């Protein structure tokens, strides 16, 4: 009877010359995967840097943050640590700017609500004024009628 509780792994039979070929194929495959991954990563970083440049153009006092090295001026050597620092600076200034805009927006909304309240109150005052003017006109006409009958 065979004991099925213990499994033995049997290595595939490989000829000596074919191991070198297999290793070479794996190396080529790994190299191709690595190159593909590097290219995908390079494109991803390029897109991120492009969006950061757009943010730097939109946010006040932020264009200087990137400097000439990030803008791709001819002959500029790329300093990665400087690029990371400037990208972080752009993102930090962008967040600060958005927070300022949110505060300003809230203040504008609050002022608009106050102005709408004032407009509603002014409309009520105008209605009261119109009513009082009508009463005043009525009293004048009654006064004239009373004065002419005496």
N, C-alpha and C. Protein backbone atom coordinates (compact mmCIF):
# COMPACT_ATOMS: atom_id res chain seq x y z
N UNK A 1 0.83 -1.18 0.00
CA UNK A 1 0.00 0.00 0.00
C UNK A 1 0.88 1.24 0.00
N UNK A 2 0.43 2.32 -0.73
CA UNK A 2 1.19 3.57 -0.82
C UNK A 2 0.77 4.49 0.30
N UNK A 3 1.73 5.16 0.88
CA UNK A 3 1.45 6.14 1.93
C UNK A 3 1.21 7.49 1.25
N UNK A 4 -0.04 8.00 1.28
CA UNK A 4 -0.39 9.24 0.60
C UNK A 4 -0.28 10.45 1.51
N UNK A 5 0.06 10.26 2.77
CA UNK A 5 0.16 11.39 3.68
C UNK A 5 1.44 12.17 3.47
N UNK A 6 2.46 11.53 3.00
CA UNK A 6 3.72 12.23 2.74
C UNK A 6 3.88 12.41 1.25
N UNK A 7 4.05 13.66 0.86
CA UNK A 7 4.22 13.96 -0.57
C UNK A 7 5.68 14.30 -0.80
N UNK A 8 6.22 13.71 -1.81
CA UNK A 8 7.58 14.04 -2.18
C UNK A 8 7.54 14.84 -3.46
N UNK A 9 8.34 15.89 -3.49
CA UNK A 9 8.42 16.68 -4.71
C UNK A 9 9.51 16.09 -5.58
N UNK A 10 9.17 15.90 -6.79
CA UNK A 10 10.13 15.35 -7.73
C UNK A 10 10.55 16.47 -8.64
N UNK A 11 11.84 16.75 -8.66
CA UNK A 11 12.36 17.82 -9.51
C UNK A 11 12.28 17.37 -10.96
N UNK A 12 11.94 18.30 -11.85
CA UNK A 12 11.87 17.91 -13.25
C UNK A 12 13.26 17.54 -13.76
N UNK A 13 13.27 16.63 -14.66
CA UNK A 13 14.54 16.19 -15.22
C UNK A 13 15.04 17.26 -16.17
N UNK A 14 16.20 17.76 -15.91
CA UNK A 14 16.75 18.84 -16.71
C UNK A 14 18.13 18.40 -17.18
N UNK A 15 18.38 18.61 -18.42
CA UNK A 15 19.70 18.31 -18.96
C UNK A 15 20.63 19.47 -18.66
N UNK A 16 21.89 19.22 -18.56
CA UNK A 16 22.87 20.23 -18.16
C UNK A 16 22.85 21.43 -19.09
N UNK A 17 22.82 21.24 -20.36
CA UNK A 17 22.86 22.35 -21.31
C UNK A 17 21.61 23.20 -21.27
N UNK A 18 20.47 22.60 -20.93
CA UNK A 18 19.22 23.35 -20.94
C UNK A 18 19.07 24.26 -19.72
N UNK A 19 19.81 24.02 -18.62
CA UNK A 19 19.73 24.90 -17.45
C UNK A 19 20.28 26.27 -17.79
N UNK A 20 21.33 26.31 -18.54
CA UNK A 20 21.89 27.62 -18.94
C UNK A 20 20.89 28.38 -19.81
N UNK A 21 20.23 27.66 -20.69
CA UNK A 21 19.24 28.30 -21.55
C UNK A 21 18.05 28.79 -20.73
N UNK A 22 17.61 27.97 -19.79
CA UNK A 22 16.48 28.36 -18.92
C UNK A 22 16.84 29.59 -18.11
N UNK A 23 18.03 29.60 -17.53
CA UNK A 23 18.48 30.74 -16.74
C UNK A 23 18.56 31.99 -17.62
N UNK A 24 19.06 31.84 -18.82
CA UNK A 24 19.15 32.98 -19.74
C UNK A 24 17.77 33.49 -20.10
N UNK A 25 16.82 32.57 -20.33
CA UNK A 25 15.46 32.98 -20.65
C UNK A 25 14.82 33.71 -19.48
N UNK A 26 15.03 33.17 -18.28
CA UNK A 26 14.49 33.85 -17.10
C UNK A 26 15.10 35.22 -16.93
N UNK A 27 16.40 35.33 -17.13
CA UNK A 27 17.08 36.61 -16.99
C UNK A 27 16.54 37.61 -18.00
N UNK A 28 16.37 37.15 -19.24
CA UNK A 28 15.82 38.03 -20.27
C UNK A 28 14.40 38.46 -19.91
N UNK A 29 13.61 37.51 -19.43
CA UNK A 29 12.24 37.80 -19.05
C UNK A 29 12.21 38.78 -17.88
N UNK A 30 13.03 38.54 -16.88
CA UNK A 30 13.10 39.44 -15.72
C UNK A 30 13.57 40.82 -16.13
N UNK A 31 14.55 40.88 -17.01
CA UNK A 31 15.07 42.17 -17.48
C UNK A 31 13.97 42.93 -18.22
N UNK A 32 13.23 42.22 -19.06
CA UNK A 32 12.14 42.86 -19.81
C UNK A 32 11.06 43.37 -18.85
N UNK A 33 10.71 42.56 -17.85
CA UNK A 33 9.72 42.99 -16.85
C UNK A 33 10.23 44.21 -16.10
N UNK A 34 11.50 44.21 -15.73
CA UNK A 34 12.08 45.33 -15.00
C UNK A 34 12.05 46.59 -15.86
N UNK A 35 12.43 46.46 -17.13
CA UNK A 35 12.43 47.61 -18.04
C UNK A 35 11.01 48.16 -18.23
N UNK A 36 10.06 47.25 -18.38
CA UNK A 36 8.66 47.67 -18.54
C UNK A 36 8.19 48.40 -17.29
N UNK A 37 8.49 47.82 -16.14
CA UNK A 37 8.10 48.46 -14.88
C UNK A 37 8.74 49.83 -14.75
N UNK A 38 10.03 49.94 -15.08
CA UNK A 38 10.72 51.23 -14.99
C UNK A 38 10.08 52.27 -15.91
N UNK A 39 9.71 51.84 -17.12
CA UNK A 39 9.08 52.77 -18.06
C UNK A 39 7.71 53.22 -17.55
N UNK A 40 6.93 52.29 -17.03
CA UNK A 40 5.61 52.64 -16.48
C UNK A 40 5.80 53.61 -15.31
N UNK A 41 6.75 53.33 -14.45
CA UNK A 41 7.01 54.20 -13.29
C UNK A 41 7.49 55.58 -13.74
N UNK A 42 8.33 55.62 -14.77
CA UNK A 42 8.83 56.90 -15.31
C UNK A 42 7.67 57.73 -15.84
N UNK A 43 6.76 57.08 -16.57
CA UNK A 43 5.59 57.80 -17.10
C UNK A 43 4.71 58.30 -15.97
N UNK A 44 4.51 57.48 -14.95
CA UNK A 44 3.69 57.88 -13.79
C UNK A 44 4.29 59.10 -13.11
N UNK A 45 5.60 59.07 -12.87
CA UNK A 45 6.26 60.23 -12.24
C UNK A 45 6.18 61.46 -13.13
N UNK A 46 6.29 61.24 -14.44
CA UNK A 46 6.17 62.37 -15.37
C UNK A 46 4.80 63.03 -15.29
N UNK A 47 3.76 62.21 -15.21
CA UNK A 47 2.40 62.76 -15.08
C UNK A 47 2.24 63.52 -13.77
N UNK A 48 2.74 62.93 -12.69
CA UNK A 48 2.65 63.59 -11.38
C UNK A 48 3.38 64.93 -11.43
N UNK A 49 4.59 64.93 -11.98
CA UNK A 49 5.36 66.18 -12.07
C UNK A 49 4.66 67.20 -12.96
N UNK A 50 4.00 66.73 -14.02
CA UNK A 50 3.25 67.64 -14.88
C UNK A 50 2.11 68.32 -14.13
N UNK A 51 1.37 67.54 -13.34
CA UNK A 51 0.28 68.12 -12.56
C UNK A 51 0.81 69.05 -11.48
N UNK A 52 1.95 68.73 -10.91
CA UNK A 52 2.54 69.62 -9.90
C UNK A 52 2.96 70.93 -10.55
N UNK A 53 3.50 70.86 -11.77
CA UNK A 53 3.86 72.10 -12.50
C UNK A 53 2.61 72.95 -12.75
N UNK A 54 1.50 72.29 -13.12
CA UNK A 54 0.26 73.05 -13.34
C UNK A 54 -0.21 73.71 -12.05
N UNK A 55 -0.12 72.98 -10.94
CA UNK A 55 -0.48 73.58 -9.65
C UNK A 55 0.41 74.79 -9.36
N UNK A 56 1.70 74.65 -9.62
CA UNK A 56 2.64 75.75 -9.36
C UNK A 56 2.29 76.98 -10.18
N UNK A 57 1.78 76.77 -11.38
CA UNK A 57 1.39 77.90 -12.22
C UNK A 57 0.11 78.56 -11.72
N UNK A 58 -0.75 77.78 -11.10
CA UNK A 58 -2.05 78.30 -10.66
C UNK A 58 -2.00 78.96 -9.29
N UNK A 59 -1.11 78.49 -8.43
CA UNK A 59 -1.07 78.96 -7.04
C UNK A 59 -0.14 80.17 -6.95
N UNK A 60 -0.62 81.26 -6.33
CA UNK A 60 0.22 82.45 -6.19
C UNK A 60 1.52 82.15 -5.44
N UNK A 61 2.59 82.81 -5.84
CA UNK A 61 3.91 82.70 -5.21
C UNK A 61 4.43 81.26 -5.19
N UNK A 62 4.09 80.50 -6.19
CA UNK A 62 4.49 79.09 -6.19
C UNK A 62 5.39 78.76 -7.37
N UNK A 63 5.43 79.60 -8.39
CA UNK A 63 6.24 79.30 -9.57
C UNK A 63 7.72 79.21 -9.23
N UNK A 64 8.17 80.04 -8.30
CA UNK A 64 9.58 80.03 -7.92
C UNK A 64 9.97 78.74 -7.23
N UNK A 65 8.99 78.04 -6.69
CA UNK A 65 9.25 76.81 -5.93
C UNK A 65 9.90 75.75 -6.80
N UNK A 66 9.53 75.69 -8.10
CA UNK A 66 10.06 74.64 -8.97
C UNK A 66 11.46 74.96 -9.47
N UNK A 67 11.76 76.21 -9.70
CA UNK A 67 13.09 76.56 -10.18
C UNK A 67 13.32 76.09 -11.60
N UNK A 68 14.49 76.38 -12.14
CA UNK A 68 14.76 76.08 -13.54
C UNK A 68 15.00 74.60 -13.77
N UNK A 69 15.46 73.86 -12.78
CA UNK A 69 15.78 72.45 -12.99
C UNK A 69 14.53 71.63 -13.26
N UNK A 70 13.43 71.94 -12.61
CA UNK A 70 12.20 71.19 -12.80
C UNK A 70 11.47 71.61 -14.07
N UNK A 71 11.71 72.80 -14.54
CA UNK A 71 10.98 73.28 -15.72
C UNK A 71 11.57 72.74 -17.01
N UNK A 72 12.71 72.07 -16.91
CA UNK A 72 13.29 71.45 -18.09
C UNK A 72 14.01 72.43 -18.99
N UNK A 73 14.65 73.46 -18.43
CA UNK A 73 15.42 74.38 -19.23
C UNK A 73 16.60 73.65 -19.85
N UNK A 74 17.01 74.02 -21.04
CA UNK A 74 18.14 73.34 -21.69
C UNK A 74 19.39 73.46 -20.82
N UNK A 75 20.10 72.39 -20.71
CA UNK A 75 21.36 72.39 -19.97
C UNK A 75 21.20 72.29 -18.47
N UNK A 76 19.99 72.21 -17.99
CA UNK A 76 19.79 72.13 -16.54
C UNK A 76 19.93 70.68 -16.11
N UNK A 77 20.78 70.46 -15.13
CA UNK A 77 20.91 69.10 -14.60
C UNK A 77 19.82 68.89 -13.58
N UNK A 78 19.32 67.70 -13.53
CA UNK A 78 18.19 67.42 -12.64
C UNK A 78 18.71 66.94 -11.30
N UNK A 79 18.38 67.67 -10.26
CA UNK A 79 18.73 67.28 -8.90
C UNK A 79 17.47 66.69 -8.28
N UNK A 80 17.47 65.38 -8.09
CA UNK A 80 16.25 64.70 -7.63
C UNK A 80 15.83 65.19 -6.26
N UNK A 81 16.76 65.34 -5.33
CA UNK A 81 16.38 65.78 -3.98
C UNK A 81 15.77 67.18 -4.03
N UNK A 82 16.31 68.05 -4.88
CA UNK A 82 15.75 69.39 -5.02
C UNK A 82 14.34 69.31 -5.62
N UNK A 83 14.16 68.40 -6.59
CA UNK A 83 12.85 68.23 -7.20
C UNK A 83 11.83 67.76 -6.20
N UNK A 84 12.22 66.83 -5.35
CA UNK A 84 11.30 66.32 -4.33
C UNK A 84 10.96 67.43 -3.35
N UNK A 85 11.98 68.17 -2.92
CA UNK A 85 11.72 69.28 -1.99
C UNK A 85 10.79 70.30 -2.62
N UNK A 86 11.06 70.65 -3.88
CA UNK A 86 10.22 71.67 -4.51
C UNK A 86 8.81 71.14 -4.76
N UNK A 87 8.69 69.86 -5.12
CA UNK A 87 7.35 69.28 -5.29
C UNK A 87 6.59 69.33 -3.98
N UNK A 88 7.27 69.00 -2.90
CA UNK A 88 6.61 69.07 -1.58
C UNK A 88 6.23 70.52 -1.27
N UNK A 89 7.09 71.45 -1.61
CA UNK A 89 6.79 72.87 -1.39
C UNK A 89 5.58 73.31 -2.19
N UNK A 90 5.51 72.87 -3.45
CA UNK A 90 4.36 73.22 -4.28
C UNK A 90 3.09 72.64 -3.68
N UNK A 91 3.14 71.38 -3.26
CA UNK A 91 1.95 70.75 -2.68
C UNK A 91 1.55 71.44 -1.37
N UNK A 92 2.55 71.79 -0.56
CA UNK A 92 2.25 72.48 0.71
C UNK A 92 1.60 73.84 0.44
N UNK A 93 2.17 74.60 -0.49
CA UNK A 93 1.60 75.91 -0.80
C UNK A 93 0.20 75.76 -1.42
N UNK A 94 0.00 74.71 -2.20
CA UNK A 94 -1.31 74.46 -2.79
C UNK A 94 -2.34 74.18 -1.72
N UNK A 95 -1.99 73.33 -0.76
CA UNK A 95 -2.92 73.02 0.34
C UNK A 95 -3.23 74.29 1.12
N UNK A 96 -2.20 75.08 1.44
CA UNK A 96 -2.42 76.33 2.17
C UNK A 96 -3.34 77.27 1.40
N UNK A 97 -3.11 77.36 0.09
CA UNK A 97 -3.91 78.24 -0.76
C UNK A 97 -5.36 77.77 -0.79
N UNK A 98 -5.58 76.47 -0.91
CA UNK A 98 -6.94 75.93 -0.93
C UNK A 98 -7.64 76.20 0.40
N UNK A 99 -6.89 76.05 1.50
CA UNK A 99 -7.49 76.34 2.82
C UNK A 99 -7.87 77.81 2.92
N UNK A 100 -7.01 78.70 2.41
CA UNK A 100 -7.34 80.13 2.41
C UNK A 100 -8.59 80.40 1.56
N UNK A 101 -8.66 79.74 0.40
CA UNK A 101 -9.83 79.90 -0.46
C UNK A 101 -11.11 79.41 0.23
N UNK A 102 -11.00 78.31 0.95
CA UNK A 102 -12.16 77.79 1.68
C UNK A 102 -12.63 78.77 2.74
N UNK A 103 -11.68 79.37 3.46
CA UNK A 103 -12.04 80.36 4.48
C UNK A 103 -12.69 81.57 3.82
N UNK A 104 -12.07 82.05 2.72
CA UNK A 104 -12.63 83.21 2.02
C UNK A 104 -14.02 82.89 1.48
N UNK A 105 -14.20 81.69 0.95
CA UNK A 105 -15.51 81.28 0.44
C UNK A 105 -16.55 81.29 1.55
N UNK A 106 -16.18 80.74 2.70
CA UNK A 106 -17.11 80.72 3.84
C UNK A 106 -17.49 82.13 4.25
N UNK A 107 -16.51 83.04 4.25
CA UNK A 107 -16.79 84.43 4.62
C UNK A 107 -17.71 85.09 3.60
N UNK A 108 -17.49 84.81 2.31
CA UNK A 108 -18.35 85.38 1.27
C UNK A 108 -19.77 84.84 1.42
N UNK A 109 -19.91 83.55 1.66
CA UNK A 109 -21.24 82.95 1.85
C UNK A 109 -21.93 83.59 3.04
N UNK A 110 -21.19 83.79 4.13
CA UNK A 110 -21.76 84.41 5.33
C UNK A 110 -22.22 85.83 5.04
N UNK A 111 -21.40 86.59 4.30
CA UNK A 111 -21.78 87.97 3.96
C UNK A 111 -23.01 87.99 3.06
N UNK A 112 -23.06 87.05 2.12
CA UNK A 112 -24.24 86.99 1.24
C UNK A 112 -25.50 86.68 2.03
N UNK A 113 -25.39 85.79 2.99
CA UNK A 113 -26.55 85.48 3.84
C UNK A 113 -26.97 86.71 4.63
N UNK A 114 -25.98 87.45 5.16
CA UNK A 114 -26.30 88.67 5.91
C UNK A 114 -26.95 89.69 4.99
N UNK A 115 -26.43 89.83 3.76
CA UNK A 115 -27.01 90.78 2.81
C UNK A 115 -28.43 90.37 2.43
N UNK A 116 -28.64 89.08 2.26
CA UNK A 116 -30.01 88.62 1.95
C UNK A 116 -30.96 88.93 3.10
N UNK A 117 -30.47 88.78 4.33
CA UNK A 117 -31.29 89.12 5.50
C UNK A 117 -31.61 90.61 5.49
N UNK A 118 -30.62 91.42 5.18
CA UNK A 118 -30.83 92.87 5.12
C UNK A 118 -31.84 93.21 4.02
N UNK A 119 -31.74 92.54 2.88
CA UNK A 119 -32.69 92.79 1.80
C UNK A 119 -34.12 92.42 2.20
N UNK A 120 -34.26 91.32 2.91
CA UNK A 120 -35.59 90.91 3.39
C UNK A 120 -36.13 91.96 4.36
N UNK A 121 -35.29 92.42 5.27
CA UNK A 121 -35.71 93.44 6.24
C UNK A 121 -36.05 94.75 5.53
N UNK A 122 -35.26 95.09 4.50
CA UNK A 122 -35.55 96.32 3.74
C UNK A 122 -36.90 96.20 3.03
N UNK A 123 -37.21 95.04 2.51
CA UNK A 123 -38.51 94.84 1.84
C UNK A 123 -39.64 95.02 2.84
N UNK A 124 -39.46 94.51 4.05
CA UNK A 124 -40.48 94.69 5.10
C UNK A 124 -40.64 96.16 5.45
N UNK A 125 -39.52 96.87 5.56
CA UNK A 125 -39.56 98.30 5.89
C UNK A 125 -40.28 99.06 4.77
N UNK A 126 -40.01 98.70 3.51
CA UNK A 126 -40.68 99.37 2.38
C UNK A 126 -42.19 99.13 2.43
N UNK A 127 -42.57 97.89 2.75
CA UNK A 127 -44.01 97.60 2.87
C UNK A 127 -44.64 98.43 3.98
N UNK A 128 -43.94 98.51 5.13
CA UNK A 128 -44.45 99.33 6.24
C UNK A 128 -44.51 100.79 5.84
N UNK A 129 -43.50 101.27 5.15
CA UNK A 129 -43.47 102.67 4.70
C UNK A 129 -44.65 102.94 3.77
N UNK A 130 -44.89 102.02 2.85
CA UNK A 130 -46.00 102.18 1.91
C UNK A 130 -47.33 102.22 2.67
N UNK A 131 -47.48 101.31 3.65
CA UNK A 131 -48.70 101.26 4.47
C UNK A 131 -48.86 102.57 5.25
N UNK A 132 -47.77 103.07 5.84
CA UNK A 132 -47.83 104.31 6.62
C UNK A 132 -48.13 105.49 5.70
N UNK A 133 -47.57 105.52 4.50
CA UNK A 133 -47.85 106.60 3.55
C UNK A 133 -49.34 106.59 3.16
N UNK A 134 -49.87 105.37 2.97
CA UNK A 134 -51.30 105.26 2.63
C UNK A 134 -52.16 105.75 3.79
N UNK A 135 -51.79 105.36 5.03
CA UNK A 135 -52.52 105.84 6.20
C UNK A 135 -52.41 107.35 6.30
N UNK A 136 -51.20 107.88 6.04
CA UNK A 136 -50.97 109.32 6.11
C UNK A 136 -51.85 110.04 5.08
N UNK A 137 -51.90 109.47 3.86
CA UNK A 137 -52.75 110.07 2.83
C UNK A 137 -54.21 110.05 3.24
N UNK A 138 -54.62 108.94 3.86
CA UNK A 138 -56.00 108.83 4.33
C UNK A 138 -56.29 109.87 5.41
N UNK A 139 -55.36 110.01 6.35
CA UNK A 139 -55.54 111.01 7.41
C UNK A 139 -55.56 112.42 6.85
N UNK A 140 -54.77 112.74 5.86
CA UNK A 140 -54.76 114.07 5.24
C UNK A 140 -56.11 114.35 4.57
N UNK A 141 -56.56 113.34 3.86
CA UNK A 141 -57.84 113.57 3.18
C UNK A 141 -58.97 113.73 4.21
N UNK A 142 -58.92 112.97 5.29
CA UNK A 142 -59.92 113.13 6.35
C UNK A 142 -59.78 114.50 7.00
N UNK A 143 -58.53 114.94 7.19
CA UNK A 143 -58.29 116.25 7.80
C UNK A 143 -58.81 117.36 6.90
N UNK A 144 -58.58 117.23 5.60
CA UNK A 144 -59.09 118.24 4.68
C UNK A 144 -60.61 118.26 4.64
N UNK A 145 -61.19 117.06 4.69
CA UNK A 145 -62.65 116.97 4.70
C UNK A 145 -63.19 117.58 5.97
N UNK A 146 -62.60 117.31 7.09
CA UNK A 146 -63.04 117.84 8.37
C UNK A 146 -62.83 119.34 8.44
N UNK A 147 -61.70 119.85 7.88
CA UNK A 147 -61.42 121.29 7.92
C UNK A 147 -62.38 122.06 7.01
N UNK A 148 -62.74 121.50 5.89
CA UNK A 148 -63.64 122.22 4.97
C UNK A 148 -65.09 122.17 5.45
N UNK A 149 -65.46 121.20 6.27
CA UNK A 149 -66.84 121.14 6.77
C UNK A 149 -67.01 122.12 7.94
N UNK A 150 -66.02 122.65 8.52
CA UNK A 150 -66.18 123.57 9.64
C UNK A 150 -66.22 124.96 9.19
